[in-house]
PDB file of N, CA and C in Angstrom:
ATOM      1  N   MET A   1      30.275  -3.133  21.624  1.00  0.00           N
ATOM      2  CA  MET A   1      29.891  -3.931  20.467  1.00  0.00           C
ATOM      3  C   MET A   1      31.039  -3.896  19.465  1.00  0.00           C
ATOM      4  N   SER A   2      31.419  -5.049  18.983  1.00  0.00           N
ATOM      5  CA  SER A   2      32.515  -5.111  18.015  1.00  0.00           C
ATOM      6  C   SER A   2      32.001  -4.846  16.613  1.00  0.00           C
ATOM      7  N   ASP A   3      32.928  -4.521  15.714  1.00  0.00           N
ATOM      8  CA  ASP A   3      32.549  -4.249  14.328  1.00  0.00           C
ATOM      9  C   ASP A   3      31.884  -5.446  13.669  1.00  0.00           C
ATOM     10  N   SER A   4      32.303  -6.659  14.034  1.00  0.00           N
ATOM     11  CA  SER A   4      31.766  -7.848  13.380  1.00  0.00           C
ATOM     12  C   SER A   4      30.302  -8.092  13.732  1.00  0.00           C
ATOM     13  N   SER A   5      29.838  -7.550  14.859  1.00  0.00           N
ATOM     14  CA  SER A   5      28.448  -7.779  15.244  1.00  0.00           C
ATOM     15  C   SER A   5      27.509  -6.681  14.758  1.00  0.00           C
ATOM     16  N   LYS A   6      28.044  -5.642  14.165  1.00  0.00           N
ATOM     17  CA  LYS A   6      27.209  -4.556  13.656  1.00  0.00           C
ATOM     18  C   LYS A   6      26.630  -4.917  12.292  1.00  0.00           C
ATOM     19  N   GLU A   7      25.443  -4.411  12.031  1.00  0.00           N
ATOM     20  CA  GLU A   7      24.808  -4.587  10.720  1.00  0.00           C
ATOM     21  C   GLU A   7      25.652  -3.879   9.656  1.00  0.00           C
ATOM     22  N   GLN A   8      25.814  -4.520   8.507  1.00  0.00           N
ATOM     23  CA  GLN A   8      26.569  -3.909   7.411  1.00  0.00           C
ATOM     24  C   GLN A   8      25.840  -2.663   6.931  1.00  0.00           C
ATOM     25  N   ARG A   9      26.591  -1.581   6.747  1.00  0.00           N
ATOM     26  CA  ARG A   9      26.010  -0.335   6.237  1.00  0.00           C
ATOM     27  C   ARG A   9      26.024  -0.381   4.715  1.00  0.00           C
ATOM     28  N   ARG A  10      24.871  -0.115   4.117  1.00  0.00           N
ATOM     29  CA  ARG A  10      24.760  -0.140   2.662  1.00  0.00           C
ATOM     30  C   ARG A  10      24.316   1.228   2.167  1.00  0.00           C
ATOM     31  N   THR A  11      24.746   1.564   0.960  1.00  0.00           N
ATOM     32  CA  THR A  11      24.304   2.808   0.332  1.00  0.00           C
ATOM     33  C   THR A  11      22.885   2.620  -0.204  1.00  0.00           C
ATOM     34  N   LEU A  12      22.232   3.722  -0.548  1.00  0.00           N
ATOM     35  CA  LEU A  12      20.898   3.623  -1.150  1.00  0.00           C
ATOM     36  C   LEU A  12      20.938   2.862  -2.468  1.00  0.00           C
ATOM     37  N   ASP A  13      21.990   3.051  -3.250  1.00  0.00           N
ATOM     38  CA  ASP A  13      22.103   2.316  -4.517  1.00  0.00           C
ATOM     39  C   ASP A  13      22.233   0.814  -4.266  1.00  0.00           C
ATOM     40  N   GLU A  14      22.988   0.432  -3.243  1.00  0.00           N
ATOM     41  CA  GLU A  14      23.107  -0.991  -2.903  1.00  0.00           C
ATOM     42  C   GLU A  14      21.757  -1.546  -2.452  1.00  0.00           C
ATOM     43  N   TRP A  15      21.037  -0.778  -1.636  1.00  0.00           N
ATOM     44  CA  TRP A  15      19.713  -1.221  -1.195  1.00  0.00           C
ATOM     45  C   TRP A  15      18.752  -1.325  -2.368  1.00  0.00           C
ATOM     46  N   TYR A  16      18.846  -0.390  -3.302  1.00  0.00           N
ATOM     47  CA  TYR A  16      17.968  -0.441  -4.471  1.00  0.00           C
ATOM     48  C   TYR A  16      18.184  -1.752  -5.243  1.00  0.00           C
ATOM     49  N   LYS A  17      19.439  -2.136  -5.418  1.00  0.00           N
ATOM     50  CA  LYS A  17      19.738  -3.396  -6.114  1.00  0.00           C
ATOM     51  C   LYS A  17      19.186  -4.591  -5.342  1.00  0.00           C
ATOM     52  N   LEU A  18      19.345  -4.579  -4.016  1.00  0.00           N
ATOM     53  CA  LEU A  18      18.835  -5.682  -3.201  1.00  0.00           C
ATOM     54  C   LEU A  18      17.309  -5.751  -3.240  1.00  0.00           C
ATOM     55  N   VAL A  19      16.651  -4.612  -3.130  1.00  0.00           N
ATOM     56  CA  VAL A  19      15.184  -4.583  -3.177  1.00  0.00           C
ATOM     57  C   VAL A  19      14.697  -5.088  -4.535  1.00  0.00           C
ATOM     58  N   THR A  20      15.361  -4.678  -5.597  1.00  0.00           N
ATOM     59  CA  THR A  20      14.996  -5.137  -6.936  1.00  0.00           C
ATOM     60  C   THR A  20      15.164  -6.650  -7.045  1.00  0.00           C
ATOM     61  N   GLN A  21      16.276  -7.182  -6.539  1.00  0.00           N
ATOM     62  CA  GLN A  21      16.491  -8.634  -6.551  1.00  0.00           C
ATOM     63  C   GLN A  21      15.394  -9.343  -5.763  1.00  0.00           C
ATOM     64  N   CYS A  22      15.072  -8.788  -4.605  1.00  0.00           N
ATOM     65  CA  CYS A  22      14.025  -9.366  -3.757  1.00  0.00           C
ATOM     66  C   CYS A  22      12.697  -9.408  -4.495  1.00  0.00           C
ATOM     67  N   ARG A  23      12.316  -8.288  -5.047  1.00  0.00           N
ATOM     68  CA  ARG A  23      11.000  -8.171  -5.665  1.00  0.00           C
ATOM     69  C   ARG A  23      10.902  -8.968  -6.966  1.00  0.00           C
ATOM     70  N   GLN A  24      12.027  -9.261  -7.617  1.00  0.00           N
ATOM     71  CA  GLN A  24      12.015 -10.049  -8.854  1.00  0.00           C
ATOM     72  C   GLN A  24      12.231 -11.541  -8.597  1.00  0.00           C
ATOM     73  N   SER A  25      12.468 -11.912  -7.352  1.00  0.00           N
ATOM     74  CA  SER A  25      12.811 -13.297  -7.021  1.00  0.00           C
ATOM     75  C   SER A  25      11.622 -14.252  -7.068  1.00  0.00           C
ATOM     76  N   GLY A  26      10.415 -13.711  -6.941  1.00  0.00           N
ATOM     77  CA  GLY A  26       9.246 -14.580  -6.866  1.00  0.00           C
ATOM     78  C   GLY A  26       8.947 -15.041  -5.448  1.00  0.00           C
ATOM     79  N   LEU A  27       9.833 -14.724  -4.502  1.00  0.00           N
ATOM     80  CA  LEU A  27       9.629 -15.062  -3.098  1.00  0.00           C
ATOM     81  C   LEU A  27       8.934 -13.900  -2.399  1.00  0.00           C
ATOM     82  N   SER A  28       8.335 -14.201  -1.255  1.00  0.00           N
ATOM     83  CA  SER A  28       7.815 -13.103  -0.436  1.00  0.00           C
ATOM     84  C   SER A  28       9.016 -12.338   0.120  1.00  0.00           C
ATOM     85  N   ASP A  29       8.780 -11.105   0.551  1.00  0.00           N
ATOM     86  CA  ASP A  29       9.870 -10.325   1.141  1.00  0.00           C
ATOM     87  C   ASP A  29      10.485 -11.084   2.314  1.00  0.00           C
ATOM     88  N   GLU A  30       9.632 -11.673   3.151  1.00  0.00           N
ATOM     89  CA  GLU A  30      10.114 -12.398   4.328  1.00  0.00           C
ATOM     90  C   GLU A  30      10.970 -13.604   3.932  1.00  0.00           C
ATOM     91  N   GLN A  31      10.512 -14.388   2.967  1.00  0.00           N
ATOM     92  CA  GLN A  31      11.283 -15.553   2.510  1.00  0.00           C
ATOM     93  C   GLN A  31      12.619 -15.123   1.928  1.00  0.00           C
ATOM     94  N   TRP A  32      12.613 -14.079   1.104  1.00  0.00           N
ATOM     95  CA  TRP A  32      13.846 -13.601   0.482  1.00  0.00           C
ATOM     96  C   TRP A  32      14.830 -13.137   1.545  1.00  0.00           C
ATOM     97  N   CYS A  33      14.333 -12.409   2.530  1.00  0.00           N
ATOM     98  CA  CYS A  33      15.205 -11.929   3.605  1.00  0.00           C
ATOM     99  C   CYS A  33      15.836 -13.099   4.359  1.00  0.00           C
ATOM    100  N   LEU A  34      15.043 -14.120   4.671  1.00  0.00           N
ATOM    101  CA  LEU A  34      15.577 -15.293   5.363  1.00  0.00           C
ATOM    102  C   LEU A  34      16.668 -15.973   4.544  1.00  0.00           C
ATOM    103  N   CYS A  35      16.451 -16.108   3.254  1.00  0.00           N
ATOM    104  CA  CYS A  35      17.422 -16.762   2.368  1.00  0.00           C
ATOM    105  C   CYS A  35      18.700 -15.950   2.191  1.00  0.00           C
ATOM    106  N   ASN A  36      18.612 -14.640   2.374  1.00  0.00           N
ATOM    107  CA  ASN A  36      19.747 -13.760   2.102  1.00  0.00           C
ATOM    108  C   ASN A  36      20.361 -13.134   3.351  1.00  0.00           C
ATOM    109  N   GLY A  37      19.908 -13.565   4.517  1.00  0.00           N
ATOM    110  CA  GLY A  37      20.494 -13.092   5.763  1.00  0.00           C
ATOM    111  C   GLY A  37      20.287 -11.615   6.030  1.00  0.00           C
ATOM    112  N   ILE A  38      19.153 -11.093   5.594  1.00  0.00           N
ATOM    113  CA  ILE A  38      18.831  -9.679   5.798  1.00  0.00           C
ATOM    114  C   ILE A  38      17.598  -9.606   6.692  1.00  0.00           C
ATOM    115  N   LYS A  39      17.652  -8.723   7.675  1.00  0.00           N
ATOM    116  CA  LYS A  39      16.512  -8.560   8.567  1.00  0.00           C
ATOM    117  C   LYS A  39      15.380  -7.866   7.814  1.00  0.00           C
ATOM    118  N   LYS A  40      14.181  -8.399   8.008  1.00  0.00           N
ATOM    119  CA  LYS A  40      13.019  -7.866   7.283  1.00  0.00           C
ATOM    120  C   LYS A  40      12.812  -6.379   7.569  1.00  0.00           C
ATOM    121  N   TYR A  41      12.980  -5.980   8.826  1.00  0.00           N
ATOM    122  CA  TYR A  41      12.779  -4.557   9.141  1.00  0.00           C
ATOM    123  C   TYR A  41      13.834  -3.686   8.471  1.00  0.00           C
ATOM    124  N   SER A  42      15.035  -4.235   8.231  1.00  0.00           N
ATOM    125  CA  SER A  42      16.069  -3.471   7.518  1.00  0.00           C
ATOM    126  C   SER A  42      15.655  -3.250   6.070  1.00  0.00           C
ATOM    127  N   LEU A  43      15.086  -4.287   5.460  1.00  0.00           N
ATOM    128  CA  LEU A  43      14.609  -4.164   4.082  1.00  0.00           C
ATOM    129  C   LEU A  43      13.511  -3.109   3.988  1.00  0.00           C
ATOM    130  N   TYR A  44      12.532  -3.175   4.886  1.00  0.00           N
ATOM    131  CA  TYR A  44      11.419  -2.228   4.836  1.00  0.00           C
ATOM    132  C   TYR A  44      11.859  -0.809   5.165  1.00  0.00           C
ATOM    133  N   SER A  45      12.819  -0.675   6.051  1.00  0.00           N
ATOM    134  CA  SER A  45      13.370   0.648   6.361  1.00  0.00           C
ATOM    135  C   SER A  45      14.068   1.226   5.135  1.00  0.00           C
ATOM    136  N   ALA A  46      14.811   0.373   4.431  1.00  0.00           N
ATOM    137  CA  ALA A  46      15.500   0.815   3.214  1.00  0.00           C
ATOM    138  C   ALA A  46      14.493   1.218   2.141  1.00  0.00           C
ATOM    139  N   ILE A  47      13.413   0.451   2.001  1.00  0.00           N
ATOM    140  CA  ILE A  47      12.377   0.785   1.020  1.00  0.00           C
ATOM    141  C   ILE A  47      11.782   2.155   1.333  1.00  0.00           C
ATOM    142  N   LYS A  48      11.546   2.423   2.597  1.00  0.00           N
ATOM    143  CA  LYS A  48      11.011   3.731   2.996  1.00  0.00           C
ATOM    144  C   LYS A  48      11.981   4.849   2.625  1.00  0.00           C
ATOM    145  N   ARG A  49      13.273   4.651   2.907  1.00  0.00           N
ATOM    146  CA  ARG A  49      14.277   5.672   2.566  1.00  0.00           C
ATOM    147  C   ARG A  49      14.383   5.858   1.059  1.00  0.00           C
ATOM    148  N   LEU A  50      14.318   4.762   0.303  1.00  0.00           N
ATOM    149  CA  LEU A  50      14.375   4.851  -1.155  1.00  0.00           C
ATOM    150  C   LEU A  50      13.199   5.657  -1.702  1.00  0.00           C
ATOM    151  N   ARG A  51      12.021   5.394  -1.182  1.00  0.00           N
ATOM    152  CA  ARG A  51      10.832   6.135  -1.641  1.00  0.00           C
ATOM    153  C   ARG A  51      10.950   7.616  -1.314  1.00  0.00           C
ATOM    154  N   GLN A  52      11.497   7.930  -0.141  1.00  0.00           N
ATOM    155  CA  GLN A  52      11.675   9.333   0.249  1.00  0.00           C
ATOM    156  C   GLN A  52      12.639  10.056  -0.691  1.00  0.00           C
ATOM    157  N   LYS A  53      13.580   9.316  -1.269  1.00  0.00           N
ATOM    158  CA  LYS A  53      14.546   9.900  -2.203  1.00  0.00           C
ATOM    159  C   LYS A  53      14.101   9.735  -3.652  1.00  0.00           C
ATOM    160  N   ALA A  54      12.851   9.355  -3.853  1.00  0.00           N
ATOM    161  CA  ALA A  54      12.212   9.267  -5.175  1.00  0.00           C
ATOM    162  C   ALA A  54      12.766   8.153  -6.060  1.00  0.00           C
ATOM    163  N   TYR A  55      13.282   7.078  -5.446  1.00  0.00           N
ATOM    164  CA  TYR A  55      13.644   5.893  -6.227  1.00  0.00           C
ATOM    165  C   TYR A  55      12.350   5.186  -6.631  1.00  0.00           C
ATOM    166  N   ALA A  56      12.349   4.565  -7.790  1.00  0.00           N
ATOM    167  CA  ALA A  56      11.195   3.789  -8.257  1.00  0.00           C
ATOM    168  C   ALA A  56      11.311   2.374  -7.694  1.00  0.00           C
ATOM    169  N   VAL A  57      10.724   2.162  -6.530  1.00  0.00           N
ATOM    170  CA  VAL A  57      10.823   0.874  -5.846  1.00  0.00           C
ATOM    171  C   VAL A  57       9.852  -0.112  -6.486  1.00  0.00           C
ATOM    172  N   PRO A  58      10.359  -1.286  -6.928  1.00  0.00           N
ATOM    173  CA  PRO A  58       9.468  -2.280  -7.537  1.00  0.00           C
ATOM    174  C   PRO A  58       8.428  -2.783  -6.535  1.00  0.00           C
ATOM    175  N   LYS A  59       7.247  -3.080  -7.026  1.00  0.00           N
ATOM    176  CA  LYS A  59       6.183  -3.647  -6.199  1.00  0.00           C
ATOM    177  C   LYS A  59       6.451  -5.139  -6.008  1.00  0.00           C
ATOM    178  N   PRO A  60       5.972  -5.718  -4.895  1.00  0.00           N
ATOM    179  CA  PRO A  60       6.102  -7.172  -4.719  1.00  0.00           C
ATOM    180  C   PRO A  60       5.325  -7.901  -5.805  1.00  0.00           C
ATOM    181  N   MET A  61       5.821  -9.061  -6.209  1.00  0.00           N
ATOM    182  CA  MET A  61       5.148  -9.849  -7.248  1.00  0.00           C
ATOM    183  C   MET A  61       4.043 -10.679  -6.642  1.00  0.00           C
TER     184      MET A  61
END
């Protein structure tokens, strides 16, 4: 597998910003992911990791 085909690795802080943008967008998580080229399971996995590290994850609108 080449580097270009691998999923981009993001830090927890980067994921926190993305999750916040998603949750404030007014779109469903699925719609936001489609618009932003992010796999839905990657978003939910990141949310789980953020919660485990005690980040205050915004609720869906």
